PDB file of N, CA and C in Angstrom:
ATOM      1  N   MET A   1      45.866 -12.811   8.999  1.00  0.00           N
ATOM      2  CA  MET A   1      45.096 -13.740   9.805  1.00  0.00           C
ATOM      3  C   MET A   1      44.353 -12.992  10.913  1.00  0.00           C
ATOM      4  N   ASP A   2      45.010 -11.979  11.523  1.00  0.00           N
ATOM      5  CA  ASP A   2      44.398 -11.217  12.588  1.00  0.00           C
ATOM      6  C   ASP A   2      43.278 -10.403  12.109  1.00  0.00           C
ATOM      7  N   ILE A   3      43.330  -9.874  10.818  1.00  0.00           N
ATOM      8  CA  ILE A   3      42.263  -9.029  10.303  1.00  0.00           C
ATOM      9  C   ILE A   3      41.002  -9.817  10.110  1.00  0.00           C
ATOM     10  N   ILE A   4      41.102 -11.105   9.834  1.00  0.00           N
ATOM     11  CA  ILE A   4      39.912 -11.940   9.656  1.00  0.00           C
ATOM     12  C   ILE A   4      39.147 -12.011  10.963  1.00  0.00           C
ATOM     13  N   TRP A   5      39.872 -12.168  12.081  1.00  0.00           N
ATOM     14  CA  TRP A   5      39.214 -12.246  13.380  1.00  0.00           C
ATOM     15  C   TRP A   5      38.550 -10.921  13.733  1.00  0.00           C
ATOM     16  N   VAL A   6      39.181  -9.827  13.425  1.00  0.00           N
ATOM     17  CA  VAL A   6      38.581  -8.541  13.677  1.00  0.00           C
ATOM     18  C   VAL A   6      37.317  -8.331  12.924  1.00  0.00           C
ATOM     19  N   VAL A   7      37.301  -8.726  11.640  1.00  0.00           N
ATOM     20  CA  VAL A   7      36.110  -8.614  10.791  1.00  0.00           C
ATOM     21  C   VAL A   7      35.016  -9.519  11.296  1.00  0.00           C
ATOM     22  N   LEU A   8      35.314 -10.765  11.682  1.00  0.00           N
ATOM     23  CA  LEU A   8      34.292 -11.712  12.191  1.00  0.00           C
ATOM     24  C   LEU A   8      33.708 -11.170  13.508  1.00  0.00           C
ATOM     25  N   ILE A   9      34.545 -10.648  14.364  1.00  0.00           N
ATOM     26  CA  ILE A   9      34.014 -10.124  15.669  1.00  0.00           C
ATOM     27  C   ILE A   9      33.180  -8.919  15.401  1.00  0.00           C
ATOM     28  N   ALA A  10      33.543  -8.054  14.493  1.00  0.00           N
ATOM     29  CA  ALA A  10      32.759  -6.865  14.179  1.00  0.00           C
ATOM     30  C   ALA A  10      31.403  -7.280  13.618  1.00  0.00           C
ATOM     31  N   ILE A  11      31.375  -8.257  12.698  1.00  0.00           N
ATOM     32  CA  ILE A  11      30.100  -8.689  12.126  1.00  0.00           C
ATOM     33  C   ILE A  11      29.225  -9.315  13.159  1.00  0.00           C
ATOM     34  N   GLY A  12      29.853 -10.186  14.042  1.00  0.00           N
ATOM     35  CA  GLY A  12      29.067 -10.795  15.101  1.00  0.00           C
ATOM     36  C   GLY A  12      28.479  -9.813  16.096  1.00  0.00           C
ATOM     37  N   THR A  13      29.289  -8.775  16.418  1.00  0.00           N
ATOM     38  CA  THR A  13      28.818  -7.771  17.300  1.00  0.00           C
ATOM     39  C   THR A  13      27.635  -6.945  16.713  1.00  0.00           C
ATOM     40  N   LEU A  14      27.787  -6.689  15.422  1.00  0.00           N
ATOM     41  CA  LEU A  14      26.718  -5.948  14.711  1.00  0.00           C
ATOM     42  C   LEU A  14      25.439  -6.755  14.675  1.00  0.00           C
ATOM     43  N   ILE A  15      25.515  -8.033  14.403  1.00  0.00           N
ATOM     44  CA  ILE A  15      24.318  -8.891  14.360  1.00  0.00           C
ATOM     45  C   ILE A  15      23.689  -8.954  15.749  1.00  0.00           C
ATOM     46  N   ALA A  16      24.512  -9.139  16.805  1.00  0.00           N
ATOM     47  CA  ALA A  16      23.976  -9.256  18.153  1.00  0.00           C
ATOM     48  C   ALA A  16      23.320  -7.853  18.550  1.00  0.00           C
ATOM     49  N   GLY A  17      23.917  -6.753  18.170  1.00  0.00           N
ATOM     50  CA  GLY A  17      23.342  -5.453  18.489  1.00  0.00           C
ATOM     51  C   GLY A  17      22.019  -5.239  17.831  1.00  0.00           C
ATOM     52  N   VAL A  18      21.920  -5.618  16.564  1.00  0.00           N
ATOM     53  CA  VAL A  18      20.659  -5.467  15.844  1.00  0.00           C
ATOM     54  C   VAL A  18      19.559  -6.317  16.471  1.00  0.00           C
ATOM     55  N   ALA A  19      19.886  -7.542  16.824  1.00  0.00           N
ATOM     56  CA  ALA A  19      18.918  -8.476  17.463  1.00  0.00           C
ATOM     57  C   ALA A  19      18.463  -7.925  18.821  1.00  0.00           C
ATOM     58  N   LEU A  20      19.400  -7.468  19.621  1.00  0.00           N
ATOM     59  CA  LEU A  20      19.100  -6.939  20.912  1.00  0.00           C
ATOM     60  C   LEU A  20      18.252  -5.663  20.812  1.00  0.00           C
ATOM     61  N   GLY A  21      18.597  -4.782  19.906  1.00  0.00           N
ATOM     62  CA  GLY A  21      17.845  -3.589  19.670  1.00  0.00           C
ATOM     63  C   GLY A  21      16.427  -3.873  19.217  1.00  0.00           C
ATOM     64  N   PHE A  22      16.250  -4.872  18.375  1.00  0.00           N
ATOM     65  CA  PHE A  22      14.884  -5.239  17.916  1.00  0.00           C
ATOM     66  C   PHE A  22      14.036  -5.699  19.083  1.00  0.00           C
ATOM     67  N   PHE A  23      14.574  -6.614  19.907  1.00  0.00           N
ATOM     68  CA  PHE A  23      13.758  -7.127  21.007  1.00  0.00           C
ATOM     69  C   PHE A  23      13.498  -6.064  22.096  1.00  0.00           C
ATOM     70  N   LEU A  24      14.442  -5.197  22.351  1.00  0.00           N
ATOM     71  CA  LEU A  24      14.188  -4.124  23.292  1.00  0.00           C
ATOM     72  C   LEU A  24      13.151  -3.137  22.782  1.00  0.00           C
ATOM     73  N   ALA A  25      13.200  -2.804  21.537  1.00  0.00           N
ATOM     74  CA  ALA A  25      12.190  -1.910  20.938  1.00  0.00           C
ATOM     75  C   ALA A  25      10.839  -2.562  20.937  1.00  0.00           C
ATOM     76  N   ARG A  26      10.758  -3.818  20.667  1.00  0.00           N
ATOM     77  CA  ARG A  26       9.487  -4.562  20.690  1.00  0.00           C
ATOM     78  C   ARG A  26       8.871  -4.564  22.062  1.00  0.00           C
ATOM     79  N   LYS A  27       9.723  -4.874  23.068  1.00  0.00           N
ATOM     80  CA  LYS A  27       9.200  -4.855  24.466  1.00  0.00           C
ATOM     81  C   LYS A  27       8.724  -3.481  24.893  1.00  0.00           C
ATOM     82  N   TYR A  28       9.470  -2.447  24.513  1.00  0.00           N
ATOM     83  CA  TYR A  28       9.050  -1.081  24.820  1.00  0.00           C
ATOM     84  C   TYR A  28       7.683  -0.764  24.194  1.00  0.00           C
ATOM     85  N   MET A  29       7.509  -1.089  22.937  1.00  0.00           N
ATOM     86  CA  MET A  29       6.239  -0.764  22.266  1.00  0.00           C
ATOM     87  C   MET A  29       5.086  -1.602  22.900  1.00  0.00           C
ATOM     88  N   MET A  30       5.334  -2.866  23.250  1.00  0.00           N
ATOM     89  CA  MET A  30       4.274  -3.647  23.892  1.00  0.00           C
ATOM     90  C   MET A  30       3.853  -3.058  25.220  1.00  0.00           C
ATOM     91  N   ASP A  31       4.842  -2.616  26.021  1.00  0.00           N
ATOM     92  CA  ASP A  31       4.517  -1.966  27.321  1.00  0.00           C
ATOM     93  C   ASP A  31       3.796  -0.677  27.087  1.00  0.00           C
ATOM     94  N   TYR A  32       4.206   0.134  26.113  1.00  0.00           N
ATOM     95  CA  TYR A  32       3.563   1.400  25.809  1.00  0.00           C
ATOM     96  C   TYR A  32       2.139   1.239  25.405  1.00  0.00           C
ATOM     97  N   LEU A  33       1.865   0.261  24.518  1.00  0.00           N
ATOM     98  CA  LEU A  33       0.498   0.030  24.116  1.00  0.00           C
ATOM     99  C   LEU A  33      -0.376  -0.543  25.215  1.00  0.00           C
ATOM    100  N   LYS A  34       0.233  -1.276  26.141  1.00  0.00           N
ATOM    101  CA  LYS A  34      -0.508  -1.770  27.292  1.00  0.00           C
ATOM    102  C   LYS A  34      -0.917  -0.650  28.182  1.00  0.00           C
ATOM    103  N   LYS A  35      -0.062   0.358  28.415  1.00  0.00           N
ATOM    104  CA  LYS A  35      -0.349   1.512  29.240  1.00  0.00           C
ATOM    105  C   LYS A  35      -1.227   2.500  28.543  1.00  0.00           C
ATOM    106  N   ASN A  36      -1.068   2.686  27.246  1.00  0.00           N
ATOM    107  CA  ASN A  36      -1.810   3.655  26.451  1.00  0.00           C
ATOM    108  C   ASN A  36      -2.502   2.992  25.248  1.00  0.00           C
ATOM    109  N   PRO A  37      -3.593   2.268  25.476  1.00  0.00           N
ATOM    110  CA  PRO A  37      -4.196   1.564  24.364  1.00  0.00           C
ATOM    111  C   PRO A  37      -4.814   2.560  23.370  1.00  0.00           C
ATOM    112  N   PRO A  38      -4.866   2.222  22.109  1.00  0.00           N
ATOM    113  CA  PRO A  38      -5.485   3.055  21.106  1.00  0.00           C
ATOM    114  C   PRO A  38      -7.010   3.131  21.394  1.00  0.00           C
ATOM    115  N   ILE A  39      -7.596   4.214  20.983  1.00  0.00           N
ATOM    116  CA  ILE A  39      -9.008   4.446  21.277  1.00  0.00           C
ATOM    117  C   ILE A  39      -9.896   3.537  20.424  1.00  0.00           C
ATOM    118  N   ASN A  40     -10.845   2.858  21.068  1.00  0.00           N
ATOM    119  CA  ASN A  40     -11.777   2.014  20.355  1.00  0.00           C
ATOM    120  C   ASN A  40     -13.191   2.553  20.514  1.00  0.00           C
ATOM    121  N   GLU A  41     -14.154   1.944  19.901  1.00  0.00           N
ATOM    122  CA  GLU A  41     -15.513   2.443  19.879  1.00  0.00           C
ATOM    123  C   GLU A  41     -16.081   2.570  21.266  1.00  0.00           C
ATOM    124  N   GLN A  42     -15.841   1.592  22.130  1.00  0.00           N
ATOM    125  CA  GLN A  42     -16.413   1.650  23.488  1.00  0.00           C
ATOM    126  C   GLN A  42     -15.823   2.869  24.287  1.00  0.00           C
ATOM    127  N   MET A  43     -14.523   3.103  24.122  1.00  0.00           N
ATOM    128  CA  MET A  43     -13.942   4.241  24.812  1.00  0.00           C
ATOM    129  C   MET A  43     -14.537   5.549  24.266  1.00  0.00           C
ATOM    130  N   LEU A  44     -14.707   5.640  22.954  1.00  0.00           N
ATOM    131  CA  LEU A  44     -15.316   6.821  22.353  1.00  0.00           C
ATOM    132  C   LEU A  44     -16.728   7.049  22.835  1.00  0.00           C
ATOM    133  N   ARG A  45     -17.504   5.935  22.933  1.00  0.00           N
ATOM    134  CA  ARG A  45     -18.911   6.036  23.390  1.00  0.00           C
ATOM    135  C   ARG A  45     -18.920   6.568  24.839  1.00  0.00           C
ATOM    136  N   THR A  46     -18.040   6.044  25.661  1.00  0.00           N
ATOM    137  CA  THR A  46     -17.959   6.481  27.091  1.00  0.00           C
ATOM    138  C   THR A  46     -17.563   7.942  27.196  1.00  0.00           C
ATOM    139  N   MET A  47     -16.593   8.407  26.388  1.00  0.00           N
ATOM    140  CA  MET A  47     -16.180   9.781  26.402  1.00  0.00           C
ATOM    141  C   MET A  47     -17.364  10.686  26.004  1.00  0.00           C
ATOM    142  N   MET A  48     -18.094  10.310  24.982  1.00  0.00           N
ATOM    143  CA  MET A  48     -19.227  11.151  24.511  1.00  0.00           C
ATOM    144  C   MET A  48     -20.319  11.187  25.570  1.00  0.00           C
ATOM    145  N   MET A  49     -20.566  10.124  26.264  1.00  0.00           N
ATOM    146  CA  MET A  49     -21.596  10.094  27.308  1.00  0.00           C
ATOM    147  C   MET A  49     -21.141  10.964  28.488  1.00  0.00           C
ATOM    148  N   GLN A  50     -19.835  10.974  28.808  1.00  0.00           N
ATOM    149  CA  GLN A  50     -19.342  11.849  29.884  1.00  0.00           C
ATOM    150  C   GLN A  50     -19.456  13.293  29.536  1.00  0.00           C
ATOM    151  N   MET A  51     -19.436  13.635  28.255  1.00  0.00           N
ATOM    152  CA  MET A  51     -19.555  15.012  27.769  1.00  0.00           C
ATOM    153  C   MET A  51     -20.993  15.408  27.682  1.00  0.00           C
ATOM    154  N   GLY A  52     -21.907  14.552  28.001  1.00  0.00           N
ATOM    155  CA  GLY A  52     -23.326  14.850  27.925  1.00  0.00           C
ATOM    156  C   GLY A  52     -24.018  14.610  26.579  1.00  0.00           C
ATOM    157  N   GLN A  53     -23.367  13.904  25.679  1.00  0.00           N
ATOM    158  CA  GLN A  53     -23.945  13.632  24.376  1.00  0.00           C
ATOM    159  C   GLN A  53     -24.461  12.211  24.388  1.00  0.00           C
ATOM    160  N   LYS A  54     -25.544  11.967  23.646  1.00  0.00           N
ATOM    161  CA  LYS A  54     -26.029  10.625  23.471  1.00  0.00           C
ATOM    162  C   LYS A  54     -25.504  10.112  22.169  1.00  0.00           C
ATOM    163  N   PRO A  55     -24.517   9.195  22.270  1.00  0.00           N
ATOM    164  CA  PRO A  55     -23.884   8.789  20.988  1.00  0.00           C
ATOM    165  C   PRO A  55     -24.677   7.830  20.177  1.00  0.00           C
ATOM    166  N   SER A  56     -24.795   8.140  18.891  1.00  0.00           N
ATOM    167  CA  SER A  56     -25.419   7.204  17.971  1.00  0.00           C
ATOM    168  C   SER A  56     -24.317   6.396  17.275  1.00  0.00           C
ATOM    169  N   GLN A  57     -24.665   5.255  16.719  1.00  0.00           N
ATOM    170  CA  GLN A  57     -23.636   4.414  16.095  1.00  0.00           C
ATOM    171  C   GLN A  57     -23.091   5.167  14.868  1.00  0.00           C
ATOM    172  N   LYS A  58     -23.923   5.926  14.191  1.00  0.00           N
ATOM    173  CA  LYS A  58     -23.507   6.678  13.027  1.00  0.00           C
ATOM    174  C   LYS A  58     -22.431   7.720  13.397  1.00  0.00           C
ATOM    175  N   LYS A  59     -22.664   8.432  14.518  1.00  0.00           N
ATOM    176  CA  LYS A  59     -21.752   9.448  14.973  1.00  0.00           C
ATOM    177  C   LYS A  59     -20.427   8.822  15.426  1.00  0.00           C
ATOM    178  N   ILE A  60     -20.506   7.705  16.098  1.00  0.00           N
ATOM    179  CA  ILE A  60     -19.292   6.998  16.536  1.00  0.00           C
ATOM    180  C   ILE A  60     -18.496   6.541  15.313  1.00  0.00           C
ATOM    181  N   ASN A  61     -19.182   6.003  14.294  1.00  0.00           N
ATOM    182  CA  ASN A  61     -18.481   5.563  13.123  1.00  0.00           C
ATOM    183  C   ASN A  61     -17.772   6.728  12.414  1.00  0.00           C
ATOM    184  N   GLN A  62     -18.442   7.901  12.359  1.00  0.00           N
ATOM    185  CA  GLN A  62     -17.872   9.049  11.748  1.00  0.00           C
ATOM    186  C   GLN A  62     -16.627   9.482  12.475  1.00  0.00           C
ATOM    187  N   MET A  63     -16.698   9.517  13.814  1.00  0.00           N
ATOM    188  CA  MET A  63     -15.530   9.955  14.623  1.00  0.00           C
ATOM    189  C   MET A  63     -14.380   8.959  14.509  1.00  0.00           C
ATOM    190  N   MET A  64     -14.693   7.652  14.503  1.00  0.00           N
ATOM    191  CA  MET A  64     -13.653   6.655  14.366  1.00  0.00           C
ATOM    192  C   MET A  64     -12.933   6.825  12.964  1.00  0.00           C
ATOM    193  N   ARG A  65     -13.735   7.023  11.957  1.00  0.00           N
ATOM    194  CA  ARG A  65     -13.220   7.197  10.607  1.00  0.00           C
ATOM    195  C   ARG A  65     -12.325   8.466  10.519  1.00  0.00           C
ATOM    196  N   ALA A  66     -12.799   9.514  11.207  1.00  0.00           N
ATOM    197  CA  ALA A  66     -12.019  10.794  11.197  1.00  0.00           C
ATOM    198  C   ALA A  66     -10.685  10.566  11.944  1.00  0.00           C
ATOM    199  N   MET A  67     -10.712   9.897  13.065  1.00  0.00           N
ATOM    200  CA  MET A  67      -9.492   9.646  13.829  1.00  0.00           C
ATOM    201  C   MET A  67      -8.529   8.736  13.060  1.00  0.00           C
ATOM    202  N   ASN A  68      -9.056   7.708  12.371  1.00  0.00           N
ATOM    203  CA  ASN A  68      -8.223   6.829  11.587  1.00  0.00           C
ATOM    204  C   ASN A  68      -7.596   7.581  10.373  1.00  0.00           C
ATOM    205  N   ASN A  69      -8.395   8.452   9.749  1.00  0.00           N
ATOM    206  CA  ASN A  69      -7.815   9.269   8.680  1.00  0.00           C
ATOM    207  C   ASN A  69      -6.691  10.213   9.171  1.00  0.00           C
ATOM    208  N   GLN A  70      -6.910  10.784  10.369  1.00  0.00           N
ATOM    209  CA  GLN A  70      -5.888  11.643  10.927  1.00  0.00           C
ATOM    210  C   GLN A  70      -4.629  10.886  11.254  1.00  0.00           C
ATOM    211  N   ALA A  71      -4.771   9.659  11.745  1.00  0.00           N
ATOM    212  CA  ALA A  71      -3.618   8.800  12.091  1.00  0.00           C
ATOM    213  C   ALA A  71      -2.888   8.426  10.785  1.00  0.00           C
ATOM    214  N   ASP A  72      -3.614   8.168   9.737  1.00  0.00           N
ATOM    215  CA  ASP A  72      -3.028   7.766   8.477  1.00  0.00           C
ATOM    216  C   ASP A  72      -2.193   8.908   7.856  1.00  0.00           C
ATOM    217  N   LYS A  73      -2.606  10.152   8.095  1.00  0.00           N
ATOM    218  CA  LYS A  73      -1.918  11.272   7.518  1.00  0.00           C
ATOM    219  C   LYS A  73      -0.539  11.471   8.149  1.00  0.00           C
ATOM    220  N   LYS A  74      -0.421  11.043   9.400  1.00  0.00           N
ATOM    221  CA  LYS A  74       0.860  11.173  10.094  1.00  0.00           C
ATOM    222  C   LYS A  74       1.746  10.082   9.637  1.00  0.00           C
TER     223      LYS A  74
END
């Protein structure tokens, strides 16, 4: 009879730990993405203008595609 309680408590603790870990990891990732947003076209355009280049839409599309391909490889 005592072993049943030990098993039930172990399973309950495992489920609670998994749920808590999921929500903590989710909150961490949301905060991280808020502080470090992924680069979008407007950010890329601004960076190119700061470097003294006049960005064309074609060049921005090429750079976005290259960055997305690099991210997919990881």
